[in-house]
Amino acid sequence: MSFRDYLLSSTVSDTLEVWELKDLGHQTAQRILHASDPLQSMQEINQNFPSVVSSLSRMKVDDSIKDEIIANQRMVPPGKSLMALNGALINIEDLDLYLLMDMVREELSLADQFIRLKLPQSAAHKILSAAPPAESNSFRVDFRSSHVHYLNNLEEDALYKRWRSNLNELLMPVYPGQMRYIRKNLFHAVYVFDPASACGAETIDTILSLHQDSVPVRFGIIMYSSRLINVIEENDGSKSDEDTSTLIMRLFLYIKETYSTQLAFQFLSDIHRLRNGGDDYSEEPVEVHHVEEAFVDSLLSGAKSHPQDVLLKLQKENLYKQEADENSRFVHKLGLYKLQCCLLMNGLVHEPNEDATMNAMNDELPRIQEQVYYGHIQSHTDVLEKFLSESSYKRYNPSITGKSTEKKRFVSLFASYHQEDSVLHDISYLHSHGTRDDAKPVTHLLAVDLSSVTGTKLLHEAIRYLMDGSNRARVGLLLYACSDSVSTILLMKDIIDRTI
């Protein structure tokens, strides 16, 4: 305590009004933070608090101090203390000097490893600050694209203008199962399906039913053609004939751009209503005449020209054919066609039925509540952009990411790599065009049996992966053959050596 504070405290009456004590905690914290020796200042205030309380009560509190204290109170419960070493929390009750020194040595060793890896300081800081992985193996698929067609927008549509926009209502207690009707796109339910399939019919009915019930979710769809996906798998889709799914997508795009999104979704529902013929569980495939009849019925009341003439023009001029094919290619790139039908709730993969949608909302709600509580999600935050930017995959591949029921298998290559005669030193690495000299954070190491069809397909997929333009990964090849024919391996190795 300075001599000036002592004099001020001694010349003022010790009697304080109640209103003078309302910011006393903030004023004390500010005095300690601004002191040249904060620990010494804290000790003096604790031991002489009655004598300095008058001078503390006259301090003007900075708004930054209040904001910082409020943020800290959200993290640390009342009456608790927190200690961290480089951001790692430490149990104060079990801490002694020797344990603290061991922790410091571990931190120094970790820093030395980062230096050997030549990681930038900013990258090392992000790695150390990263949250531990969740217990579940669920992961988000980054589906952000113009190929997503949304039915509604909670922030802009007039249907939701009477809903409240205060995100703090997410933190209010409600009855179990009760939904929170907030005018904010917190949940993005995007369904991926083939519109000509039975699963696609059920999915459309689910979307329209939930939307009609005013469920606080932004609904969207990504459609694809299963037939075109098969063609892409076989010959890269360079030559493809139109099928029923592609026709549906073309007509959907026309109705959406010419009339409205709601009418386009109703068109999809009418297709399956005509297909079912009154039977809710019909397994009959969608045929072209179902699509054409639904198109005519949808436009009959509002079309300027006869819908049949519009249909003939669309089919003759191949309008929207390219856009429809790009939809299928996008789904193939995401890898979601393997699921046939699926739901992406803010990128998390689920089943596409109504129960799964509601369960996905309940699973996602605590994550959003936590982000709102800590101020990471505010009224202007794009929730989908935030989640997918922080942690998402560009492709759905459970063979790599694994499933929650599977035990992860790891093979350590550390010992083999440090052997002088290790084959790992002779690996040829393939890069995307123009990225050979760039540092890659990911290395895909493939052991390929060129004498088998499976090995050849694996090598083909790896080359296609690099051709798509991956600037964050490289592919290393270990070529071998189970049969006696090694000429194929020698030829392939010679080609790779000459190429790279």
Protein backbone atom coordinates (compact mmCIF):
# COMPACT_ATOMS: atom_id res chain seq x y z
CA MET A 1 0.00 0.00 0.00
CA SER A 2 1.42 3.38 -1.00
CA PHE A 3 1.88 6.24 1.48
CA ARG A 4 -0.66 8.31 -0.46
CA ASP A 5 -3.34 5.62 -0.06
CA TYR A 6 -2.60 5.41 3.63
CA LEU A 7 -3.05 9.17 4.07
CA LEU A 8 -6.28 9.19 2.06
CA SER A 9 -7.68 6.31 4.09
CA SER A 10 -6.77 7.90 7.42
CA THR A 11 -8.32 11.30 6.65
CA VAL A 12 -11.69 9.98 5.53
CA SER A 13 -14.37 8.68 7.84
CA ASP A 14 -14.56 4.92 8.00
CA THR A 15 -18.32 5.11 7.58
CA LEU A 16 -19.35 4.05 4.05
CA GLU A 17 -22.74 4.10 2.41
CA VAL A 18 -24.16 0.86 1.06
CA TRP A 19 -24.08 2.10 -2.53
CA GLU A 20 -20.33 2.71 -2.20
CA LEU A 21 -19.73 -1.03 -1.70
CA LYS A 22 -21.41 -2.31 -4.87
CA ASP A 23 -18.19 -2.28 -6.97
CA LEU A 24 -15.76 -2.92 -4.13
CA GLY A 25 -14.72 -6.32 -5.50
CA HIS A 26 -14.03 -4.88 -8.97
CA GLN A 27 -12.14 -1.95 -7.45
CA THR A 28 -9.97 -4.26 -5.37
CA ALA A 29 -9.16 -6.42 -8.39
CA GLN A 30 -8.26 -3.35 -10.43
CA ARG A 31 -5.95 -2.05 -7.67
CA ILE A 32 -4.11 -5.40 -7.60
CA LEU A 33 -3.82 -5.67 -11.39
CA HIS A 34 -2.43 -2.16 -11.77
CA ALA A 35 0.11 -2.54 -8.96
CA SER A 36 3.80 -2.89 -9.82
CA ASP A 37 3.93 -5.99 -7.58
CA PRO A 38 0.45 -7.60 -7.71
CA LEU A 39 1.22 -10.34 -5.17
CA GLN A 40 2.57 -7.86 -2.64
CA SER A 41 -0.42 -5.59 -3.21
CA MET A 42 -2.82 -8.49 -2.68
CA GLN A 43 -1.13 -9.40 0.59
CA GLU A 44 -1.26 -5.83 1.90
CA ILE A 45 -4.93 -5.40 1.01
CA ASN A 46 -5.86 -8.69 2.68
CA GLN A 47 -4.00 -7.80 5.86
CA ASN A 48 -5.11 -4.14 6.00
CA PHE A 49 -8.47 -4.18 4.27
CA PRO A 50 -10.39 -1.97 6.77
CA SER A 51 -7.77 0.75 6.46
CA VAL A 52 -7.80 0.86 2.64
CA VAL A 53 -11.48 0.22 1.95
CA SER A 54 -12.24 3.96 1.79
CA SER A 55 -9.64 4.63 -0.90
CA LEU A 56 -10.72 1.53 -2.83
CA SER A 57 -14.35 2.65 -2.89
CA ARG A 58 -13.40 5.93 -4.61
CA MET A 59 -11.63 4.25 -7.55
CA LYS A 60 -13.25 4.43 -10.97
CA VAL A 61 -13.58 0.93 -12.44
CA ASP A 62 -12.62 0.37 -16.06
CA ASP A 63 -15.18 -1.41 -18.22
CA SER A 64 -12.49 -3.81 -19.41
CA ILE A 65 -11.97 -5.00 -15.83
CA LYS A 66 -15.69 -5.69 -15.43
CA ASP A 67 -15.87 -7.59 -18.71
CA GLU A 68 -12.84 -9.70 -17.81
CA ILE A 69 -14.25 -10.55 -14.37
CA ILE A 70 -17.62 -11.54 -15.87
CA ALA A 71 -15.84 -13.80 -18.39
CA ASN A 72 -13.78 -15.40 -15.61
CA GLN A 73 -16.88 -15.99 -13.48
CA ARG A 74 -18.36 -18.03 -16.30
CA MET A 75 -15.35 -20.34 -16.23
CA VAL A 76 -14.65 -20.58 -12.49
CA PRO A 77 -17.49 -21.41 -10.05
CA PRO A 78 -17.92 -19.17 -6.96
CA GLY A 79 -15.54 -20.03 -4.14
CA LYS A 80 -13.21 -22.03 -6.37
CA SER A 81 -9.64 -21.34 -7.43
CA LEU A 82 -7.94 -22.24 -10.67
CA MET A 83 -4.29 -22.72 -11.60
CA ALA A 84 -2.96 -23.43 -15.08
CA LEU A 85 0.49 -24.05 -16.53
CA ASN A 86 0.63 -22.99 -20.19
CA GLY A 87 -3.13 -23.43 -20.29
CA ALA A 88 -3.14 -26.91 -18.70
CA LEU A 89 -5.26 -27.02 -15.53
CA ILE A 90 -3.58 -28.20 -12.32
CA ASN A 91 -5.23 -29.62 -9.22
CA ILE A 92 -4.10 -27.20 -6.51
CA GLU A 93 -4.94 -29.57 -3.66
CA ASP A 94 -2.45 -32.21 -4.87
CA LEU A 95 0.25 -29.77 -5.97
CA ASP A 96 3.67 -29.52 -4.33
CA LEU A 97 7.00 -28.06 -5.43
CA TYR A 98 8.38 -31.33 -6.83
CA LEU A 99 5.23 -32.04 -8.86
CA LEU A 100 5.31 -28.50 -10.24
CA MET A 101 8.95 -28.93 -11.32
CA ASP A 102 8.08 -32.19 -13.09
CA MET A 103 5.30 -30.41 -14.98
CA VAL A 104 7.66 -27.63 -16.00
CA ARG A 105 10.16 -30.21 -17.33
CA GLU A 106 7.39 -31.87 -19.37
CA GLU A 107 6.42 -28.50 -20.85
CA LEU A 108 10.04 -27.77 -21.77
CA SER A 109 10.37 -31.21 -23.37
CA LEU A 110 7.19 -30.62 -25.36
CA ALA A 111 8.43 -27.22 -26.50
CA ASP A 112 11.70 -28.84 -27.61
CA GLN A 113 9.78 -31.35 -29.72
CA PHE A 114 7.89 -28.55 -31.45
CA ILE A 115 11.18 -26.79 -32.19
CA ARG A 116 12.61 -29.97 -33.76
CA LEU A 117 9.51 -30.27 -35.93
CA LYS A 118 10.08 -26.65 -37.01
CA LEU A 119 6.50 -25.77 -36.22
CA PRO A 120 5.70 -22.05 -36.18
CA GLN A 121 4.92 -20.63 -32.77
CA SER A 122 1.34 -19.87 -33.79
CA ALA A 123 0.78 -23.48 -34.92
CA ALA A 124 2.25 -24.89 -31.70
CA HIS A 125 0.00 -22.60 -29.67
CA LYS A 126 -3.09 -23.83 -31.55
CA ILE A 127 -2.11 -27.47 -30.96
CA LEU A 128 -1.62 -26.91 -27.23
CA SER A 129 -4.87 -24.94 -26.97
CA ALA A 130 -6.95 -27.45 -28.91
CA ALA A 131 -9.77 -29.09 -27.01
CA PRO A 132 -9.48 -32.84 -26.39
CA PRO A 133 -11.44 -34.98 -28.85
CA ALA A 134 -14.96 -35.91 -27.90
CA GLU A 135 -15.67 -39.37 -26.57
CA SER A 136 -17.97 -40.15 -29.46
CA ASN A 137 -16.56 -40.67 -32.93
CA SER A 138 -19.18 -38.51 -34.60
CA PHE A 139 -17.69 -36.00 -37.01
CA ARG A 140 -18.98 -33.17 -39.14
CA VAL A 141 -19.03 -33.22 -42.93
CA ASP A 142 -18.45 -29.85 -44.58
CA PHE A 143 -21.37 -29.66 -47.01
CA ARG A 144 -21.28 -25.88 -47.58
CA SER A 145 -22.10 -25.40 -51.24
CA SER A 146 -24.58 -23.88 -53.64
CA HIS A 147 -25.90 -27.41 -54.21
CA VAL A 148 -27.82 -27.20 -50.91
CA HIS A 149 -31.44 -26.10 -51.41
CA TYR A 150 -33.01 -24.68 -48.25
CA LEU A 151 -36.74 -24.72 -47.66
CA ASN A 152 -36.82 -22.00 -44.99
CA ASN A 153 -34.77 -19.39 -43.16
CA LEU A 154 -35.64 -18.71 -39.54
CA GLU A 155 -33.87 -15.34 -39.56
CA GLU A 156 -35.60 -13.90 -42.64
CA ASP A 157 -38.94 -15.63 -43.29
CA ALA A 158 -42.12 -13.84 -42.23
CA LEU A 159 -43.39 -17.07 -40.67
CA TYR A 160 -40.95 -16.66 -37.78
CA LYS A 161 -41.04 -12.88 -37.30
CA ARG A 162 -42.98 -13.20 -34.02
CA TRP A 163 -40.35 -15.48 -32.49
CA ARG A 164 -37.87 -14.01 -30.06
CA SER A 165 -34.26 -13.49 -31.09
CA ASN A 166 -32.62 -13.48 -27.64
CA LEU A 167 -30.12 -16.36 -27.52
CA ASN A 168 -30.06 -16.27 -23.71
CA GLU A 169 -33.37 -18.11 -23.77
CA LEU A 170 -31.36 -21.21 -24.65
CA LEU A 171 -30.00 -21.09 -21.09
CA MET A 172 -33.43 -20.88 -19.46
CA PRO A 173 -34.87 -24.08 -17.93
CA VAL A 174 -37.76 -25.68 -19.81
CA TYR A 175 -39.79 -28.85 -19.48
CA PRO A 176 -38.13 -32.00 -20.89
CA GLY A 177 -38.72 -32.26 -24.62
CA GLN A 178 -39.90 -28.67 -24.97
CA MET A 179 -38.38 -26.85 -27.95
CA ARG A 180 -37.04 -23.31 -27.88
CA TYR A 181 -38.52 -21.14 -30.61
CA ILE A 182 -35.76 -18.64 -31.34
CA ARG A 183 -35.45 -16.63 -34.57
CA LYS A 184 -31.94 -17.84 -35.30
CA ASN A 185 -30.58 -20.55 -37.60
CA LEU A 186 -29.11 -22.71 -34.84
CA PHE A 187 -29.95 -26.11 -36.36
CA HIS A 188 -29.34 -26.86 -40.05
CA ALA A 189 -30.93 -30.17 -41.05
CA VAL A 190 -29.74 -31.03 -44.56
CA TYR A 191 -30.96 -34.32 -46.05
CA VAL A 192 -29.02 -36.13 -48.79
CA PHE A 193 -31.01 -38.55 -50.96
CA ASP A 194 -31.90 -39.79 -54.43
CA PRO A 195 -35.29 -38.18 -55.27
CA ALA A 196 -36.40 -41.23 -57.25
CA SER A 197 -35.85 -43.68 -54.38
CA ALA A 198 -38.29 -44.85 -51.71
CA CYS A 199 -36.03 -43.35 -49.06
CA GLY A 200 -36.20 -40.02 -50.87
CA ALA A 201 -40.00 -40.11 -50.74
CA GLU A 202 -40.03 -40.72 -46.99
CA THR A 203 -37.44 -37.99 -46.48
CA ILE A 204 -39.48 -35.35 -48.33
CA ASP A 205 -42.57 -36.25 -46.30
CA THR A 206 -40.52 -35.94 -43.10
CA ILE A 207 -39.20 -32.50 -44.07
CA LEU A 208 -42.60 -31.08 -45.00
CA SER A 209 -44.22 -32.55 -41.88
CA LEU A 210 -41.62 -31.03 -39.53
CA HIS A 211 -41.75 -27.71 -41.37
CA GLN A 212 -45.53 -27.62 -41.13
CA ASP A 213 -45.25 -28.20 -37.37
CA SER A 214 -42.95 -25.13 -37.10
CA VAL A 215 -40.01 -27.08 -35.73
CA PRO A 216 -37.22 -24.49 -35.13
CA VAL A 217 -34.85 -25.97 -37.72
CA ARG A 218 -33.62 -24.75 -41.08
CA PHE A 219 -34.36 -27.57 -43.53
CA GLY A 220 -32.39 -28.21 -46.71
CA ILE A 221 -31.77 -30.97 -49.24
CA ILE A 222 -28.98 -32.21 -51.50
CA MET A 223 -30.21 -34.50 -54.27
CA TYR A 224 -28.22 -36.87 -56.45
CA SER A 225 -28.67 -39.58 -59.06
CA SER A 226 -27.62 -43.08 -58.00
CA ARG A 227 -27.27 -44.08 -61.64
CA LEU A 228 -24.93 -41.19 -62.40
CA ILE A 229 -22.88 -42.03 -59.29
CA ASN A 230 -22.37 -45.55 -60.67
CA VAL A 231 -21.31 -44.11 -64.02
CA ILE A 232 -18.84 -41.80 -62.27
CA GLU A 233 -17.41 -44.79 -60.41
CA GLU A 234 -16.93 -46.69 -63.66
CA ASN A 235 -15.77 -44.11 -66.22
CA ASP A 236 -15.61 -40.75 -64.39
CA GLY A 237 -19.07 -39.80 -65.66
CA SER A 238 -17.82 -38.32 -68.93
CA LYS A 239 -20.76 -39.89 -70.76
CA SER A 240 -24.04 -40.27 -68.95
CA ASP A 241 -27.63 -40.66 -70.07
CA GLU A 242 -30.47 -38.92 -68.30
CA ASP A 243 -32.41 -40.95 -65.78
CA THR A 244 -35.48 -40.25 -63.66
CA SER A 245 -33.51 -38.77 -60.77
CA THR A 246 -31.76 -36.28 -63.04
CA LEU A 247 -35.09 -35.29 -64.60
CA ILE A 248 -36.55 -34.64 -61.15
CA MET A 249 -33.60 -32.45 -60.20
CA ARG A 250 -33.87 -30.45 -63.43
CA LEU A 251 -37.57 -29.78 -62.95
CA PHE A 252 -37.00 -28.95 -59.28
CA LEU A 253 -34.39 -26.33 -60.21
CA TYR A 254 -36.71 -24.83 -62.84
CA ILE A 255 -39.62 -24.49 -60.41
CA LYS A 256 -37.40 -23.07 -57.68
CA GLU A 257 -35.90 -20.37 -59.91
CA THR A 258 -39.09 -19.55 -61.82
CA TYR A 259 -41.68 -19.76 -59.04
CA SER A 260 -40.72 -20.47 -55.41
CA THR A 261 -38.81 -22.86 -53.20
CA GLN A 262 -41.99 -23.97 -51.43
CA LEU A 263 -43.60 -24.97 -54.74
CA ALA A 264 -40.46 -26.89 -55.72
CA PHE A 265 -40.59 -28.91 -52.51
CA GLN A 266 -44.30 -29.52 -53.02
CA PHE A 267 -43.47 -30.82 -56.50
CA LEU A 268 -41.22 -33.48 -54.93
CA SER A 269 -44.00 -34.46 -52.56
CA ASP A 270 -46.52 -34.70 -55.43
CA ILE A 271 -44.25 -37.11 -57.30
CA HIS A 272 -44.34 -39.64 -54.50
CA ARG A 273 -48.04 -39.06 -53.87
CA LEU A 274 -48.73 -40.05 -57.47
CA ARG A 275 -46.32 -42.97 -57.23
CA ASN A 276 -47.98 -44.32 -54.10
CA GLY A 277 -51.48 -44.01 -55.50
CA GLY A 278 -52.99 -43.84 -52.02
CA ASP A 279 -50.74 -46.54 -50.58
CA ASP A 280 -48.36 -45.03 -48.01
CA TYR A 281 -46.04 -48.04 -48.18
CA SER A 282 -45.77 -48.55 -51.93
CA GLU A 283 -42.41 -49.88 -53.10
CA GLU A 284 -43.07 -49.10 -56.76
CA PRO A 285 -40.21 -47.18 -58.43
CA VAL A 286 -40.75 -43.63 -59.61
CA GLU A 287 -41.39 -43.54 -63.35
CA VAL A 288 -41.16 -40.68 -65.82
CA HIS A 289 -44.93 -40.30 -66.17
CA HIS A 290 -45.19 -39.76 -62.38
CA VAL A 291 -42.68 -36.92 -62.63
CA GLU A 292 -44.33 -35.31 -65.65
CA GLU A 293 -47.81 -35.51 -64.12
CA ALA A 294 -46.59 -33.98 -60.84
CA PHE A 295 -44.87 -31.18 -62.78
CA VAL A 296 -48.05 -30.35 -64.69
CA ASP A 297 -50.19 -30.45 -61.52
CA SER A 298 -47.77 -28.17 -59.65
CA LEU A 299 -47.73 -25.47 -62.34
CA LEU A 300 -51.25 -25.73 -63.67
CA SER A 301 -52.69 -22.95 -61.50
CA GLY A 302 -49.91 -20.36 -61.83
CA ALA A 303 -48.16 -21.03 -65.15
CA LYS A 304 -48.28 -18.37 -67.86
CA SER A 305 -48.03 -21.02 -70.59
CA HIS A 306 -49.26 -24.59 -70.52
CA PRO A 307 -47.02 -26.76 -68.26
CA GLN A 308 -46.86 -29.47 -70.92
CA ASP A 309 -45.24 -27.03 -73.36
CA VAL A 310 -42.75 -25.96 -70.69
CA LEU A 311 -41.92 -29.60 -69.99
CA LEU A 312 -41.27 -30.34 -73.66
CA LYS A 313 -39.03 -27.27 -73.91
CA LEU A 314 -37.02 -28.28 -70.84
CA GLN A 315 -36.51 -31.80 -72.14
CA LYS A 316 -35.64 -30.67 -75.67
CA GLU A 317 -33.13 -27.98 -74.70
CA ASN A 318 -31.58 -29.96 -71.81
CA LEU A 319 -32.00 -27.01 -69.45
CA TYR A 320 -30.49 -27.41 -65.95
CA LYS A 321 -28.81 -30.67 -67.02
CA GLN A 322 -25.36 -29.45 -66.04
CA GLU A 323 -26.56 -28.18 -62.64
CA ALA A 324 -28.25 -31.51 -61.91
CA ASP A 325 -25.12 -33.48 -62.83
CA GLU A 326 -23.00 -31.22 -60.62
CA ASN A 327 -25.28 -32.08 -57.69
CA SER A 328 -24.48 -35.76 -58.12
CA ARG A 329 -20.77 -35.09 -58.51
CA PHE A 330 -20.82 -33.04 -55.31
CA VAL A 331 -22.45 -35.89 -53.36
CA HIS A 332 -19.91 -38.31 -54.83
CA LYS A 333 -17.10 -36.01 -53.72
CA LEU A 334 -18.53 -35.90 -50.18
CA GLY A 335 -18.77 -39.70 -50.11
CA LEU A 336 -22.32 -39.58 -48.74
CA TYR A 337 -23.78 -41.65 -51.58
CA LYS A 338 -22.61 -44.75 -49.70
CA LEU A 339 -25.33 -44.11 -47.11
CA GLN A 340 -28.05 -43.78 -49.80
CA CYS A 341 -30.05 -41.44 -47.52
CA CYS A 342 -28.74 -39.47 -44.57
CA LEU A 343 -29.24 -36.37 -42.44
CA LEU A 344 -26.55 -33.79 -41.75
CA MET A 345 -27.43 -31.91 -38.54
CA ASN A 346 -24.97 -29.02 -38.60
CA GLY A 347 -22.72 -31.45 -40.44
CA LEU A 348 -23.13 -34.42 -38.07
CA VAL A 349 -24.28 -37.58 -39.88
CA HIS A 350 -27.56 -39.18 -38.72
CA GLU A 351 -30.41 -41.32 -40.03
CA PRO A 352 -32.91 -39.31 -42.13
CA ASN A 353 -36.12 -40.14 -40.22
CA GLU A 354 -38.15 -37.89 -37.94
CA ASP A 355 -37.06 -39.47 -34.65
CA ALA A 356 -33.40 -39.20 -35.62
CA THR A 357 -33.93 -35.53 -36.49
CA MET A 358 -35.36 -34.73 -33.07
CA ASN A 359 -32.64 -36.74 -31.31
CA ALA A 360 -29.99 -34.94 -33.37
CA MET A 361 -31.41 -31.61 -32.21
CA ASN A 362 -31.25 -32.72 -28.57
CA ASP A 363 -27.67 -33.93 -29.02
CA GLU A 364 -26.57 -30.67 -30.62
CA LEU A 365 -28.36 -28.40 -28.14
CA PRO A 366 -25.82 -28.71 -25.24
CA ARG A 367 -22.97 -27.78 -27.59
CA ILE A 368 -24.81 -24.66 -28.71
CA GLN A 369 -25.78 -23.77 -25.14
CA GLU A 370 -22.15 -24.01 -24.05
CA GLN A 371 -21.03 -21.75 -26.90
CA VAL A 372 -23.75 -19.21 -26.05
CA TYR A 373 -22.87 -19.31 -22.34
CA TYR A 374 -19.22 -18.49 -22.98
CA GLY A 375 -20.09 -15.82 -25.54
CA HIS A 376 -18.68 -17.70 -28.53
CA ILE A 377 -22.07 -17.65 -30.28
CA GLN A 378 -23.82 -14.28 -30.42
CA SER A 379 -26.72 -12.82 -32.34
CA HIS A 380 -24.55 -12.09 -35.41
CA THR A 381 -22.70 -15.45 -35.42
CA ASP A 382 -23.26 -17.85 -38.31
CA VAL A 383 -23.58 -21.09 -36.34
CA LEU A 384 -23.10 -23.42 -39.30
CA GLU A 385 -20.08 -21.49 -40.54
CA LYS A 386 -18.55 -21.58 -37.06
CA PHE A 387 -19.00 -25.32 -36.46
CA LEU A 388 -17.85 -26.42 -39.92
CA SER A 389 -14.88 -24.05 -39.93
CA GLU A 390 -13.66 -25.27 -36.55
CA SER A 391 -13.92 -29.02 -37.05
CA SER A 392 -15.18 -30.76 -40.17
CA TYR A 393 -14.15 -33.22 -42.85
CA LYS A 394 -14.33 -32.62 -46.58
CA ARG A 395 -15.40 -36.22 -47.20
CA TYR A 396 -17.34 -38.88 -45.34
CA ASN A 397 -15.07 -41.91 -45.08
CA PRO A 398 -15.77 -44.20 -42.10
CA SER A 399 -12.94 -46.49 -43.23
CA ILE A 400 -10.52 -43.77 -42.08
CA THR A 401 -12.40 -41.99 -39.31
CA GLY A 402 -13.83 -45.21 -37.87
CA LYS A 403 -17.11 -45.86 -36.13
CA SER A 404 -17.98 -45.52 -32.47
CA THR A 405 -18.40 -49.29 -32.11
CA GLU A 406 -15.01 -50.10 -33.61
CA LYS A 407 -11.73 -50.20 -31.76
CA LYS A 408 -9.19 -47.95 -33.39
CA ARG A 409 -6.09 -49.66 -34.74
CA PHE A 410 -2.79 -47.83 -34.80
CA VAL A 411 0.51 -49.08 -36.17
CA SER A 412 3.60 -47.28 -34.88
CA LEU A 413 6.23 -46.66 -37.55
CA PHE A 414 8.59 -44.82 -35.22
CA ALA A 415 11.01 -47.70 -34.59
CA SER A 416 11.12 -48.71 -38.25
CA TYR A 417 11.74 -45.16 -39.43
CA HIS A 418 14.84 -44.73 -37.25
CA GLN A 419 16.52 -47.84 -38.69
CA GLU A 420 19.11 -46.89 -41.30
CA ASP A 421 18.09 -49.64 -43.73
CA SER A 422 14.36 -49.04 -43.31
CA VAL A 423 12.26 -49.17 -46.46
CA LEU A 424 10.46 -46.06 -45.23
CA HIS A 425 13.45 -43.97 -46.37
CA ASP A 426 12.92 -45.07 -49.99
CA ILE A 427 9.24 -44.16 -50.28
CA SER A 428 8.21 -42.14 -53.33
CA TYR A 429 5.73 -39.39 -52.47
CA LEU A 430 3.11 -38.08 -54.86
CA HIS A 431 1.79 -34.51 -54.60
CA SER A 432 -0.96 -32.49 -56.20
CA HIS A 433 0.14 -30.35 -59.11
CA GLY A 434 2.13 -27.32 -58.02
CA THR A 435 2.36 -28.29 -54.33
CA ARG A 436 5.48 -30.47 -54.29
CA ASP A 437 7.57 -27.93 -52.34
CA ASP A 438 4.83 -27.16 -49.80
CA ALA A 439 4.92 -28.68 -46.31
CA LYS A 440 2.06 -31.15 -45.90
CA PRO A 441 0.48 -31.78 -42.48
CA VAL A 442 -0.98 -35.13 -43.62
CA THR A 443 0.75 -38.12 -45.24
CA HIS A 444 -1.28 -41.04 -46.60
CA LEU A 445 0.97 -44.11 -46.65
CA LEU A 446 -0.45 -46.82 -48.92
CA ALA A 447 0.78 -50.41 -49.09
CA VAL A 448 -0.40 -51.45 -52.55
CA ASP A 449 -0.46 -54.96 -53.99
CA LEU A 450 -0.35 -54.30 -57.73
CA SER A 451 -1.06 -57.93 -58.56
CA SER A 452 -4.59 -57.64 -57.13
CA VAL A 453 -7.66 -55.75 -58.32
CA THR A 454 -8.11 -54.21 -54.86
CA GLY A 455 -4.58 -52.80 -54.86
CA THR A 456 -4.98 -51.36 -58.34
CA LYS A 457 -8.25 -49.67 -57.38
CA LEU A 458 -6.63 -48.26 -54.24
CA LEU A 459 -3.82 -46.75 -56.30
CA HIS A 460 -6.38 -45.36 -58.74
CA GLU A 461 -8.32 -43.67 -55.92
CA ALA A 462 -5.13 -42.17 -54.50
CA ILE A 463 -4.21 -40.64 -57.86
CA ARG A 464 -7.72 -39.27 -58.31
CA TYR A 465 -7.53 -37.80 -54.81
CA LEU A 466 -4.40 -35.86 -55.76
CA MET A 467 -5.85 -34.82 -59.11
CA ASP A 468 -8.76 -33.17 -57.29
CA GLY A 469 -6.20 -30.77 -55.82
CA SER A 470 -5.30 -31.62 -52.24
CA ASN A 471 -2.85 -29.00 -50.94
CA ARG A 472 -2.75 -30.40 -47.39
CA ALA A 473 -1.71 -34.01 -48.00
CA ARG A 474 0.72 -36.19 -49.90
CA VAL A 475 0.57 -39.89 -50.80
CA GLY A 476 3.42 -42.32 -50.15
CA LEU A 477 3.51 -45.66 -51.95
CA LEU A 478 4.86 -49.01 -50.76
CA LEU A 479 4.51 -51.30 -53.79
CA TYR A 480 4.55 -55.08 -53.48
CA ALA A 481 3.09 -58.18 -55.12
CA CYS A 482 1.85 -61.39 -53.53
CA SER A 483 2.42 -63.33 -56.74
CA ASP A 484 5.72 -64.05 -58.46
CA SER A 485 5.22 -61.35 -61.09
CA VAL A 486 7.36 -58.39 -60.09
CA SER A 487 7.55 -56.85 -63.54
CA THR A 488 4.44 -54.78 -62.83
CA ILE A 489 6.02 -53.32 -59.70
CA LEU A 490 9.26 -52.49 -61.48
CA LEU A 491 7.37 -50.84 -64.32
CA MET A 492 5.21 -48.80 -61.96
CA LYS A 493 8.22 -47.76 -59.88
CA ASP A 494 10.02 -46.65 -63.02
CA ILE A 495 6.99 -44.60 -64.08
CA ILE A 496 6.75 -42.93 -60.68
CA ASP A 497 10.47 -42.16 -60.55
CA ARG A 498 10.34 -40.57 -64.00
CA THR A 499 7.19 -38.62 -63.13
CA ILE A 500 8.30 -37.11 -59.85
